[in-house]
Amino acid sequence: MKTRNEICGYPVITARCGKIDPDSIEDYIAAGGYKALEKALNMTSQEVVDEVKASNLRGRGGAGFPTGVKMETILKTDVFPKYLVCNADEGEPGNFKDKYLMENDPHQLIEGMIITAYSMGIEKGYIYIRGEYNKPIIIMSRAIEAAREKGFLGKRILGSDFSFDIEIRSGAGAYICGEEFALIESIEGKAGRPRSKPPYPTVSGIYNKPTLINNVETFSNLPFIIQEGAEKFISIGTPSSSGTKLVSLSGNVNNRGVYEIPFGVTIRDIIYKLGGGIPENRKIRMVQLGGASGPCIPEEMLDIKLDYKEMENKGLTMGAGAVIVIDERYNVLEIVRLIMRFFRHESCGKCTPCREGNRQILRILYRFVSGNASNNDLALLESICNVMCQTSFCGLGQTAPTAVLTTMKYFRDDYLSGMRNLSTNSNIV
């Protein structure tokens, strides 16, 4: 049996967490901080982008788009000014790893953003931190000021011709502001609502200028990749998923928290060997991956590895890395109903499929929970979920019914038990 240290392996972005004072830039520098920036400033923009592309780093916010490809798109455009945005909204329930990084190693994020900005000729960056994250806002504000005083931010960074600065913006905690265009609208001072795509932010983002958006975890990988090299980065993880992933483990487990693991570890090992298993040795009812908008899987699927390709082959996504464990004491339908109540509240209302779909799904789920659903309700529920996935304006509406669809697939008996006159419907599968 592998030990906890063997599972976690070599830390890439949490190596300094808990070992340095996040309010001390001197601690960060003494631990090797800002060395990657010095190295990057002696490279060409294309060399930095090529190193990131060679690392096979994929965005850690959920979509998993290749980071180097996005950087090269911005690099090659000759439209100015360009903008850089760190999405630190982290509004997906069950995720708290970006908060952990900002509270424990804020300069790593700043250094990653500076390196990224340098490679694309960007002079202005924003960190969009969710309104409820008071402590990270304070820590990041202090860190930015300390970086300015040391010459890592501002005019002619470290004596080079490169200038870049960062401003913190905060929303009011709306879930929709985790969506990239809603976030952009909020930064521009407008109500947080999505825009139509295309064009994508890399073409027309903040003030309709090219904008690169990544989350905290993605930017935090840049200093390691530049300092240690892409070859070392891809030696960690699996051939299809290089590097490490931060996992936010929560729910009915003994040891909840943030864990950095190399890609390729199974969900079962995360729960039992890192999380210490289920309190009082209860059985697992289901596990939700990624957060409230992620898939729900049964206990027998826990041997799936955290790997982009393997999960895609099974029709699953890892989202931002949340693993939410629900034990046998809880009712699947009641959990799904609570999830959909969250999405009904958080829908911005811009498009009909999301606004009305969430409401109708919730009404139908009430009938299943109370044991009064009909045969037609089962078919209608599935139909509304599919319409939302295919026609909603943004990712919120497209992914909101994921928990319903996956529980209908893996926990179908729970839905059948919520139907009246079950015996007459026993042929439904």
Foldseek 3Di string as FASTA:
>chain_A
DDAPCRFQDDDQQCPCFPPAQLLDVVRCVVVVPPVLVVLLLPPALVVLLVQQQLLQQFFLQFPRHRPSVLLVLLQPDPDDDEEEEAEQQPLFPQDCVLLSSLNGHVRLLVSLRLSSCRSRVHAEYEYEHEPVSVNSVVSNVSVQVVCVVVQCAAQCRPVHRHHHGYDYHYDHSFPLCSFQQLVLCVVVVHHRDHDFDPVDQCQQGRVGHGYHYGYSVSSSNSSSCSVVTSVVQQVFADVQHTHWAWAQEDAFFQAGDIGIGTFFAFQVCCRCNVRVHGPPNFAWAWKFAQGLLFEIAGPVRRRQTRGQVSQVVVVGTRRSHGIHTYGPVDQLLVVLLVSLVVQCVNPPPPDDLSNVLSVVLNVLSVLLVQLAHAPVSVVVNVVSLVCQLVDPRDDSSNRSCNHVVNCCVRVVVSSLSSHPPSVVVVVPD
